[in-house]
PDB file of N, CA and C in Angstrom:
ATOM      1  N   MET A   1       0.856  -1.192   0.000  1.00  0.00           N
ATOM      2  CA  MET A   1       0.000   0.000   0.000  1.00  0.00           C
ATOM      3  C   MET A   1       0.893   1.245   0.000  1.00  0.00           C
ATOM      4  N   SER A   2       0.605   2.176  -0.882  1.00  0.00           N
ATOM      5  CA  SER A   2       1.406   3.398  -0.946  1.00  0.00           C
ATOM      6  C   SER A   2       1.132   4.280   0.268  1.00  0.00           C
ATOM      7  N   THR A   3       2.037   5.203   0.514  1.00  0.00           N
ATOM      8  CA  THR A   3       1.862   6.129   1.638  1.00  0.00           C
ATOM      9  C   THR A   3       0.575   6.923   1.463  1.00  0.00           C
ATOM     10  N   GLU A   4       0.309   7.357   0.214  1.00  0.00           N
ATOM     11  CA  GLU A   4      -0.899   8.143  -0.021  1.00  0.00           C
ATOM     12  C   GLU A   4      -2.147   7.317   0.287  1.00  0.00           C
ATOM     13  N   GLN A   5      -2.159   6.048  -0.100  1.00  0.00           N
ATOM     14  CA  GLN A   5      -3.303   5.192   0.186  1.00  0.00           C
ATOM     15  C   GLN A   5      -3.472   4.992   1.686  1.00  0.00           C
ATOM     16  N   SER A   6      -2.377   4.786   2.413  1.00  0.00           N
ATOM     17  CA  SER A   6      -2.475   4.529   3.853  1.00  0.00           C
ATOM     18  C   SER A   6      -2.811   5.800   4.624  1.00  0.00           C
ATOM     19  N   ASP A   7      -2.649   6.963   3.991  1.00  0.00           N
ATOM     20  CA  ASP A   7      -2.941   8.230   4.666  1.00  0.00           C
ATOM     21  C   ASP A   7      -4.322   8.759   4.283  1.00  0.00           C
ATOM     22  N   ARG A   8      -5.144   7.899   3.721  1.00  0.00           N
ATOM     23  CA  ARG A   8      -6.502   8.309   3.350  1.00  0.00           C
ATOM     24  C   ARG A   8      -7.399   8.235   4.581  1.00  0.00           C
ATOM     25  N   VAL A   9      -8.306   9.209   4.672  1.00  0.00           N
ATOM     26  CA  VAL A   9      -9.223   9.269   5.812  1.00  0.00           C
ATOM     27  C   VAL A   9     -10.618   9.629   5.321  1.00  0.00           C
ATOM     28  N   ARG A  10     -11.592   9.464   6.228  1.00  0.00           N
ATOM     29  CA  ARG A  10     -12.983   9.837   5.949  1.00  0.00           C
ATOM     30  C   ARG A  10     -13.398  10.887   6.966  1.00  0.00           C
ATOM     31  N   LEU A  11     -13.857  12.021   6.462  1.00  0.00           N
ATOM     32  CA  LEU A  11     -14.383  13.100   7.293  1.00  0.00           C
ATOM     33  C   LEU A  11     -15.901  12.988   7.322  1.00  0.00           C
ATOM     34  N   SER A  12     -16.463  13.089   8.516  1.00  0.00           N
ATOM     35  CA  SER A  12     -17.899  13.253   8.677  1.00  0.00           C
ATOM     36  C   SER A  12     -18.074  14.528   9.493  1.00  0.00           C
ATOM     37  N   ALA A  13     -18.655  15.558   8.872  1.00  0.00           N
ATOM     38  CA  ALA A  13     -18.776  16.862   9.534  1.00  0.00           C
ATOM     39  C   ALA A  13     -20.229  17.322   9.505  1.00  0.00           C
ATOM     40  N   PHE A  14     -20.724  17.704  10.665  1.00  0.00           N
ATOM     41  CA  PHE A  14     -22.063  18.283  10.781  1.00  0.00           C
ATOM     42  C   PHE A  14     -21.890  19.785  10.923  1.00  0.00           C
ATOM     43  N   VAL A  15     -22.407  20.532   9.947  1.00  0.00           N
ATOM     44  CA  VAL A  15     -22.222  21.977   9.899  1.00  0.00           C
ATOM     45  C   VAL A  15     -23.509  22.640  10.380  1.00  0.00           C
ATOM     46  N   HIS A  16     -23.387  23.420  11.470  1.00  0.00           N
ATOM     47  CA  HIS A  16     -24.516  24.121  12.084  1.00  0.00           C
ATOM     48  C   HIS A  16     -24.478  25.585  11.670  1.00  0.00           C
ATOM     49  N   GLY A  17     -25.639  26.211  11.569  1.00  0.00           N
ATOM     50  CA  GLY A  17     -25.736  27.630  11.245  1.00  0.00           C
ATOM     51  C   GLY A  17     -26.794  27.837  10.174  1.00  0.00           C
ATOM     52  N   HIS A  18     -26.671  28.958   9.456  1.00  0.00           N
ATOM     53  CA  HIS A  18     -27.588  29.232   8.338  1.00  0.00           C
ATOM     54  C   HIS A  18     -26.899  28.720   7.081  1.00  0.00           C
ATOM     55  N   VAL A  19     -27.056  27.403   6.822  1.00  0.00           N
ATOM     56  CA  VAL A  19     -26.302  26.748   5.751  1.00  0.00           C
ATOM     57  C   VAL A  19     -27.190  26.033   4.731  1.00  0.00           C
ATOM     58  N   GLN A  20     -28.505  26.234   4.803  1.00  0.00           N
ATOM     59  CA  GLN A  20     -29.395  25.656   3.792  1.00  0.00           C
ATOM     60  C   GLN A  20     -30.046  26.779   2.996  1.00  0.00           C
ATOM     61  N   GLY A  21     -30.174  26.553   1.692  1.00  0.00           N
ATOM     62  CA  GLY A  21     -30.807  27.543   0.819  1.00  0.00           C
ATOM     63  C   GLY A  21     -29.916  28.722   0.486  1.00  0.00           C
ATOM     64  N   VAL A  22     -28.603  28.566   0.688  1.00  0.00           N
ATOM     65  CA  VAL A  22     -27.674  29.678   0.459  1.00  0.00           C
ATOM     66  C   VAL A  22     -26.512  29.289  -0.464  1.00  0.00           C
ATOM     67  N   GLY A  23     -26.585  28.090  -1.073  1.00  0.00           N
ATOM     68  CA  GLY A  23     -25.506  27.632  -1.955  1.00  0.00           C
ATOM     69  C   GLY A  23     -24.373  26.947  -1.223  1.00  0.00           C
ATOM     70  N   PHE A  24     -24.589  26.584   0.038  1.00  0.00           N
ATOM     71  CA  PHE A  24     -23.521  25.995   0.845  1.00  0.00           C
ATOM     72  C   PHE A  24     -23.083  24.628   0.310  1.00  0.00           C
ATOM     73  N   ARG A  25     -24.051  23.776  -0.047  1.00  0.00           N
ATOM     74  CA  ARG A  25     -23.673  22.449  -0.558  1.00  0.00           C
ATOM     75  C   ARG A  25     -22.923  22.572  -1.871  1.00  0.00           C
ATOM     76  N   TRP A  26     -23.369  23.459  -2.769  1.00  0.00           N
ATOM     77  CA  TRP A  26     -22.676  23.675  -4.039  1.00  0.00           C
ATOM     78  C   TRP A  26     -21.251  24.156  -3.782  1.00  0.00           C
ATOM     79  N   TRP A  27     -21.093  25.104  -2.875  1.00  0.00           N
ATOM     80  CA  TRP A  27     -19.768  25.644  -2.538  1.00  0.00           C
ATOM     81  C   TRP A  27     -18.875  24.537  -1.974  1.00  0.00           C
ATOM     82  N   THR A  28     -19.420  23.707  -1.075  1.00  0.00           N
ATOM     83  CA  THR A  28     -18.662  22.611  -0.474  1.00  0.00           C
ATOM     84  C   THR A  28     -18.231  21.618  -1.547  1.00  0.00           C
ATOM     85  N   ARG A  29     -19.151  21.290  -2.459  1.00  0.00           N
ATOM     86  CA  ARG A  29     -18.830  20.376  -3.558  1.00  0.00           C
ATOM     87  C   ARG A  29     -17.694  20.943  -4.403  1.00  0.00           C
ATOM     88  N   SER A  30     -17.741  22.225  -4.709  1.00  0.00           N
ATOM     89  CA  SER A  30     -16.689  22.858  -5.515  1.00  0.00           C
ATOM     90  C   SER A  30     -15.331  22.767  -4.829  1.00  0.00           C
ATOM     91  N   ARG A  31     -15.294  23.070  -3.529  1.00  0.00           N
ATOM     92  CA  ARG A  31     -14.027  22.982  -2.784  1.00  0.00           C
ATOM     93  C   ARG A  31     -13.518  21.540  -2.745  1.00  0.00           C
ATOM     94  N   ALA A  32     -14.426  20.586  -2.511  1.00  0.00           N
ATOM     95  CA  ALA A  32     -14.028  19.177  -2.433  1.00  0.00           C
ATOM     96  C   ALA A  32     -13.456  18.693  -3.767  1.00  0.00           C
ATOM     97  N   LEU A  33     -14.105  19.069  -4.867  1.00  0.00           N
ATOM     98  CA  LEU A  33     -13.617  18.647  -6.175  1.00  0.00           C
ATOM     99  C   LEU A  33     -12.263  19.282  -6.481  1.00  0.00           C
ATOM    100  N   GLU A  34     -12.067  20.537  -6.105  1.00  0.00           N
ATOM    101  CA  GLU A  34     -10.767  21.189  -6.279  1.00  0.00           C
ATOM    102  C   GLU A  34      -9.671  20.423  -5.540  1.00  0.00           C
ATOM    103  N   LEU A  35     -10.036  19.837  -4.395  1.00  0.00           N
ATOM    104  CA  LEU A  35      -9.073  19.100  -3.564  1.00  0.00           C
ATOM    105  C   LEU A  35      -8.958  17.626  -3.973  1.00  0.00           C
ATOM    106  N   GLY A  36      -9.773  17.197  -4.929  1.00  0.00           N
ATOM    107  CA  GLY A  36      -9.717  15.812  -5.381  1.00  0.00           C
ATOM    108  C   GLY A  36     -10.378  14.824  -4.435  1.00  0.00           C
ATOM    109  N   LEU A  37     -11.352  15.292  -3.651  1.00  0.00           N
ATOM    110  CA  LEU A  37     -12.031  14.437  -2.684  1.00  0.00           C
ATOM    111  C   LEU A  37     -13.307  13.848  -3.269  1.00  0.00           C
ATOM    112  N   VAL A  38     -13.757  12.747  -2.694  1.00  0.00           N
ATOM    113  CA  VAL A  38     -15.043  12.152  -3.045  1.00  0.00           C
ATOM    114  C   VAL A  38     -15.933  12.201  -1.820  1.00  0.00           C
ATOM    115  N   GLY A  39     -17.267  12.233  -2.047  1.00  0.00           N
ATOM    116  CA  GLY A  39     -18.177  12.256  -0.908  1.00  0.00           C
ATOM    117  C   GLY A  39     -19.482  12.935  -1.248  1.00  0.00           C
ATOM    118  N   SER A  40     -20.064  13.607  -0.229  1.00  0.00           N
ATOM    119  CA  SER A  40     -21.360  14.244  -0.419  1.00  0.00           C
ATOM    120  C   SER A  40     -21.572  15.359   0.595  1.00  0.00           C
ATOM    121  N   ALA A  41     -22.510  16.231   0.257  1.00  0.00           N
ATOM    122  CA  ALA A  41     -22.984  17.269   1.177  1.00  0.00           C
ATOM    123  C   ALA A  41     -24.502  17.178   1.161  1.00  0.00           C
ATOM    124  N   SER A  42     -25.088  16.891   2.326  1.00  0.00           N
ATOM    125  CA  SER A  42     -26.520  16.611   2.399  1.00  0.00           C
ATOM    126  C   SER A  42     -27.212  17.521   3.393  1.00  0.00           C
ATOM    127  N   ASN A  43     -28.381  18.073   2.994  1.00  0.00           N
ATOM    128  CA  ASN A  43     -29.212  18.818   3.935  1.00  0.00           C
ATOM    129  C   ASN A  43     -29.862  17.844   4.909  1.00  0.00           C
ATOM    130  N   LEU A  44     -29.921  18.223   6.178  1.00  0.00           N
ATOM    131  CA  LEU A  44     -30.620  17.436   7.187  1.00  0.00           C
ATOM    132  C   LEU A  44     -31.894  18.179   7.589  1.00  0.00           C
ATOM    133  N   ALA A  45     -32.866  17.450   8.077  1.00  0.00           N
ATOM    134  CA  ALA A  45     -34.165  18.023   8.425  1.00  0.00           C
ATOM    135  C   ALA A  45     -34.064  19.099   9.499  1.00  0.00           C
ATOM    136  N   ASP A  46     -33.027  19.045  10.343  1.00  0.00           N
ATOM    137  CA  ASP A  46     -32.893  20.019  11.441  1.00  0.00           C
ATOM    138  C   ASP A  46     -32.139  21.283  11.032  1.00  0.00           C
ATOM    139  N   GLY A  47     -31.817  21.433   9.741  1.00  0.00           N
ATOM    140  CA  GLY A  47     -31.160  22.645   9.266  1.00  0.00           C
ATOM    141  C   GLY A  47     -29.656  22.539   9.128  1.00  0.00           C
ATOM    142  N   ARG A  48     -29.067  21.440   9.603  1.00  0.00           N
ATOM    143  CA  ARG A  48     -27.625  21.251   9.435  1.00  0.00           C
ATOM    144  C   ARG A  48     -27.331  20.699   8.038  1.00  0.00           C
ATOM    145  N   VAL A  49     -26.055  20.766   7.656  1.00  0.00           N
ATOM    146  CA  VAL A  49     -25.570  20.084   6.466  1.00  0.00           C
ATOM    147  C   VAL A  49     -24.562  19.049   6.932  1.00  0.00           C
ATOM    148  N   HIS A  50     -24.697  17.815   6.423  1.00  0.00           N
ATOM    149  CA  HIS A  50     -23.765  16.738   6.738  1.00  0.00           C
ATOM    150  C   HIS A  50     -22.818  16.585   5.555  1.00  0.00           C
ATOM    151  N   VAL A  51     -21.525  16.776   5.820  1.00  0.00           N
ATOM    152  CA  VAL A  51     -20.495  16.649   4.788  1.00  0.00           C
ATOM    153  C   VAL A  51     -19.714  15.371   5.051  1.00  0.00           C
ATOM    154  N   VAL A  52     -19.627  14.527   4.043  1.00  0.00           N
ATOM    155  CA  VAL A  52     -18.800  13.320   4.098  1.00  0.00           C
ATOM    156  C   VAL A  52     -17.775  13.459   2.980  1.00  0.00           C
ATOM    157  N   ALA A  53     -16.491  13.292   3.314  1.00  0.00           N
ATOM    158  CA  ALA A  53     -15.445  13.409   2.301  1.00  0.00           C
ATOM    159  C   ALA A  53     -14.332  12.409   2.599  1.00  0.00           C
ATOM    160  N   GLU A  54     -13.846  11.768   1.543  1.00  0.00           N
ATOM    161  CA  GLU A  54     -12.722  10.852   1.670  1.00  0.00           C
ATOM    162  C   GLU A  54     -11.610  11.281   0.735  1.00  0.00           C
ATOM    163  N   GLY A  55     -10.382  11.080   1.215  1.00  0.00           N
ATOM    164  CA  GLY A  55      -9.203  11.369   0.416  1.00  0.00           C
ATOM    165  C   GLY A  55      -7.990  11.453   1.315  1.00  0.00           C
ATOM    166  N   PRO A  56      -6.884  11.943   0.769  1.00  0.00           N
ATOM    167  CA  PRO A  56      -5.671  12.099   1.576  1.00  0.00           C
ATOM    168  C   PRO A  56      -5.930  13.017   2.774  1.00  0.00           C
ATOM    169  N   ARG A  57      -5.359  12.674   3.919  1.00  0.00           N
ATOM    170  CA  ARG A  57      -5.587  13.417   5.165  1.00  0.00           C
ATOM    171  C   ARG A  57      -5.396  14.916   4.980  1.00  0.00           C
ATOM    172  N   GLU A  58      -4.310  15.345   4.326  1.00  0.00           N
ATOM    173  CA  GLU A  58      -4.045  16.787   4.195  1.00  0.00           C
ATOM    174  C   GLU A  58      -5.135  17.486   3.391  1.00  0.00           C
ATOM    175  N   LYS A  59      -5.689  16.808   2.382  1.00  0.00           N
ATOM    176  CA  LYS A  59      -6.754  17.407   1.564  1.00  0.00           C
ATOM    177  C   LYS A  59      -8.063  17.462   2.350  1.00  0.00           C
ATOM    178  N   VAL A  60      -8.345  16.404   3.116  1.00  0.00           N
ATOM    179  CA  VAL A  60      -9.559  16.382   3.944  1.00  0.00           C
ATOM    180  C   VAL A  60      -9.492  17.491   4.990  1.00  0.00           C
ATOM    181  N   LEU A  61      -8.321  17.659   5.608  1.00  0.00           N
ATOM    182  CA  LEU A  61      -8.170  18.720   6.613  1.00  0.00           C
ATOM    183  C   LEU A  61      -8.283  20.102   5.977  1.00  0.00           C
ATOM    184  N   ALA A  62      -7.846  20.236   4.714  1.00  0.00           N
ATOM    185  CA  ALA A  62      -8.003  21.514   4.003  1.00  0.00           C
ATOM    186  C   ALA A  62      -9.491  21.823   3.789  1.00  0.00           C
ATOM    187  N   LEU A  63     -10.292  20.800   3.475  1.00  0.00           N
ATOM    188  CA  LEU A  63     -11.727  21.018   3.330  1.00  0.00           C
ATOM    189  C   LEU A  63     -12.339  21.418   4.667  1.00  0.00           C
ATOM    190  N   LEU A  64     -11.942  20.754   5.731  1.00  0.00           N
ATOM    191  CA  LEU A  64     -12.451  21.094   7.068  1.00  0.00           C
ATOM    192  C   LEU A  64     -12.100  22.546   7.412  1.00  0.00           C
ATOM    193  N   ASP A  65     -10.879  22.960   7.117  1.00  0.00           N
ATOM    194  CA  ASP A  65     -10.485  24.361   7.337  1.00  0.00           C
ATOM    195  C   ASP A  65     -11.368  25.302   6.526  1.00  0.00           C
ATOM    196  N   ALA A  66     -11.672  24.930   5.281  1.00  0.00           N
ATOM    197  CA  ALA A  66     -12.515  25.773   4.429  1.00  0.00           C
ATOM    198  C   ALA A  66     -13.925  25.904   5.014  1.00  0.00           C
ATOM    199  N   LEU A  67     -14.442  24.808   5.570  1.00  0.00           N
ATOM    200  CA  LEU A  67     -15.779  24.858   6.177  1.00  0.00           C
ATOM    201  C   LEU A  67     -15.809  25.840   7.348  1.00  0.00           C
ATOM    202  N   ARG A  68     -14.679  26.005   8.014  1.00  0.00           N
ATOM    203  CA  ARG A  68     -14.582  26.889   9.185  1.00  0.00           C
ATOM    204  C   ARG A  68     -14.019  28.262   8.839  1.00  0.00           C
ATOM    205  N   SER A  69     -13.774  28.544   7.559  1.00  0.00           N
ATOM    206  CA  SER A  69     -13.011  29.721   7.149  1.00  0.00           C
ATOM    207  C   SER A  69     -13.744  31.043   7.311  1.00  0.00           C
ATOM    208  N   GLY A  70     -15.079  31.007   7.413  1.00  0.00           N
ATOM    209  CA  GLY A  70     -15.830  32.250   7.404  1.00  0.00           C
ATOM    210  C   GLY A  70     -16.069  32.770   6.000  1.00  0.00           C
ATOM    211  N   GLU A  71     -15.598  32.011   4.980  1.00  0.00           N
ATOM    212  CA  GLU A  71     -15.758  32.424   3.582  1.00  0.00           C
ATOM    213  C   GLU A  71     -16.821  31.591   2.868  1.00  0.00           C
ATOM    214  N   THR A  72     -17.614  30.852   3.610  1.00  0.00           N
ATOM    215  CA  THR A  72     -18.660  30.015   3.026  1.00  0.00           C
ATOM    216  C   THR A  72     -19.907  30.843   2.751  1.00  0.00           C
ATOM    217  N   PRO A  73     -20.776  30.362   1.872  1.00  0.00           N
ATOM    218  CA  PRO A  73     -22.090  31.005   1.766  1.00  0.00           C
ATOM    219  C   PRO A  73     -22.854  30.805   3.076  1.00  0.00           C
ATOM    220  N   GLY A  74     -23.740  31.709   3.377  1.00  0.00           N
ATOM    221  CA  GLY A  74     -24.520  31.582   4.611  1.00  0.00           C
ATOM    222  C   GLY A  74     -23.681  31.922   5.832  1.00  0.00           C
ATOM    223  N   ARG A  75     -23.959  31.217   6.928  1.00  0.00           N
ATOM    224  CA  ARG A  75     -23.229  31.477   8.174  1.00  0.00           C
ATOM    225  C   ARG A  75     -23.000  30.155   8.888  1.00  0.00           C
ATOM    226  N   VAL A  76     -21.739  29.828   9.130  1.00  0.00           N
ATOM    227  CA  VAL A  76     -21.383  28.621   9.874  1.00  0.00           C
ATOM    228  C   VAL A  76     -21.157  29.009  11.327  1.00  0.00           C
ATOM    229  N   ASP A  77     -21.944  28.407  12.233  1.00  0.00           N
ATOM    230  CA  ASP A  77     -21.787  28.664  13.663  1.00  0.00           C
ATOM    231  C   ASP A  77     -20.896  27.630  14.331  1.00  0.00           C
ATOM    232  N   LEU A  78     -20.951  26.395  13.847  1.00  0.00           N
ATOM    233  CA  LEU A  78     -20.239  25.298  14.498  1.00  0.00           C
ATOM    234  C   LEU A  78     -20.060  24.172  13.502  1.00  0.00           C
ATOM    235  N   VAL A  79     -18.889  23.525  13.540  1.00  0.00           N
ATOM    236  CA  VAL A  79     -18.644  22.314  12.755  1.00  0.00           C
ATOM    237  C   VAL A  79     -18.218  21.230  13.730  1.00  0.00           C
ATOM    238  N   VAL A  80     -18.980  20.136  13.768  1.00  0.00           N
ATOM    239  CA  VAL A  80     -18.657  18.998  14.624  1.00  0.00           C
ATOM    240  C   VAL A  80     -18.203  17.875  13.705  1.00  0.00           C
ATOM    241  N   GLU A  81     -16.924  17.483  13.833  1.00  0.00           N
ATOM    242  CA  GLU A  81     -16.389  16.526  12.879  1.00  0.00           C
ATOM    243  C   GLU A  81     -15.809  15.292  13.557  1.00  0.00           C
ATOM    244  N   SER A  82     -15.724  14.241  12.776  1.00  0.00           N
ATOM    245  CA  SER A  82     -14.939  13.070  13.156  1.00  0.00           C
ATOM    246  C   SER A  82     -14.128  12.663  11.937  1.00  0.00           C
ATOM    247  N   ILE A  83     -12.922  12.192  12.201  1.00  0.00           N
ATOM    248  CA  ILE A  83     -12.034  11.721  11.144  1.00  0.00           C
ATOM    249  C   ILE A  83     -11.793  10.243  11.425  1.00  0.00           C
ATOM    250  N   ASP A  84     -12.128   9.414  10.453  1.00  0.00           N
ATOM    251  CA  ASP A  84     -12.084   7.964  10.631  1.00  0.00           C
ATOM    252  C   ASP A  84     -11.355   7.320   9.463  1.00  0.00           C
ATOM    253  N   PRO A  85     -11.076   6.020   9.561  1.00  0.00           N
ATOM    254  CA  PRO A  85     -10.498   5.321   8.405  1.00  0.00           C
ATOM    255  C   PRO A  85     -11.468   5.383   7.228  1.00  0.00           C
ATOM    256  N   PRO A  86     -10.957   5.384   5.999  1.00  0.00           N
ATOM    257  CA  PRO A  86     -11.842   5.440   4.837  1.00  0.00           C
ATOM    258  C   PRO A  86     -12.660   4.160   4.725  1.00  0.00           C
ATOM    259  N   ARG A  87     -13.864   4.282   4.197  1.00  0.00           N
ATOM    260  CA  ARG A  87     -14.728   3.125   3.964  1.00  0.00           C
ATOM    261  C   ARG A  87     -14.821   2.777   2.490  1.00  0.00           C
ATOM    262  N   GLY A  88     -14.482   3.756   1.633  1.00  0.00           N
ATOM    263  CA  GLY A  88     -14.590   3.525   0.195  1.00  0.00           C
ATOM    264  C   GLY A  88     -16.035   3.573  -0.261  1.00  0.00           C
ATOM    265  N   GLY A  89     -16.264   3.152  -1.497  1.00  0.00           N
ATOM    266  CA  GLY A  89     -17.609   3.108  -2.038  1.00  0.00           C
ATOM    267  C   GLY A  89     -18.157   4.449  -2.494  1.00  0.00           C
ATOM    268  N   LEU A  90     -17.326   5.481  -2.506  1.00  0.00           N
ATOM    269  CA  LEU A  90     -17.769   6.816  -2.912  1.00  0.00           C
ATOM    270  C   LEU A  90     -17.170   7.145  -4.279  1.00  0.00           C
ATOM    271  N   THR A  91     -17.950   7.763  -5.141  1.00  0.00           N
ATOM    272  CA  THR A  91     -17.446   8.262  -6.411  1.00  0.00           C
ATOM    273  C   THR A  91     -17.971   9.675  -6.612  1.00  0.00           C
ATOM    274  N   GLY A  92     -17.103  10.550  -7.087  1.00  0.00           N
ATOM    275  CA  GLY A  92     -17.491  11.933  -7.290  1.00  0.00           C
ATOM    276  C   GLY A  92     -17.835  12.620  -5.973  1.00  0.00           C
ATOM    277  N   PHE A  93     -18.450  13.777  -6.063  1.00  0.00           N
ATOM    278  CA  PHE A  93     -18.902  14.498  -4.884  1.00  0.00           C
ATOM    279  C   PHE A  93     -20.287  15.027  -5.204  1.00  0.00           C
ATOM    280  N   VAL A  94     -21.282  14.566  -4.463  1.00  0.00           N
ATOM    281  CA  VAL A  94     -22.673  14.868  -4.803  1.00  0.00           C
ATOM    282  C   VAL A  94     -23.345  15.735  -3.750  1.00  0.00           C
ATOM    283  N   GLU A  95     -24.316  16.501  -4.219  1.00  0.00           N
ATOM    284  CA  GLU A  95     -25.182  17.271  -3.322  1.00  0.00           C
ATOM    285  C   GLU A  95     -26.461  16.473  -3.135  1.00  0.00           C
ATOM    286  N   ARG A  96     -26.893  16.337  -1.889  1.00  0.00           N
ATOM    287  CA  ARG A  96     -28.130  15.606  -1.621  1.00  0.00           C
ATOM    288  C   ARG A  96     -29.087  16.496  -0.884  1.00  0.00           C
TER     289      ARG A  96
END
């Protein structure tokens, strides 16, 4: 296994704030694709957005930093994340 493969991780981030109906999922998808990540950004019934992204640790952490940057559409109040081993099974980056 290459170093890059062994350094792959899965981010699961719950983004709280005014993040629905403001282009947040589209913006997240754009950043993830720029970083070469796969995953999804999904609206939840309680107003949060759930972001799942897999890829090299440094790229995943760059996406997490972007979510907290203050440069997102809408308003991010809190990001609650976990970083776990990759599970695979993801292709592209989709908005749900």
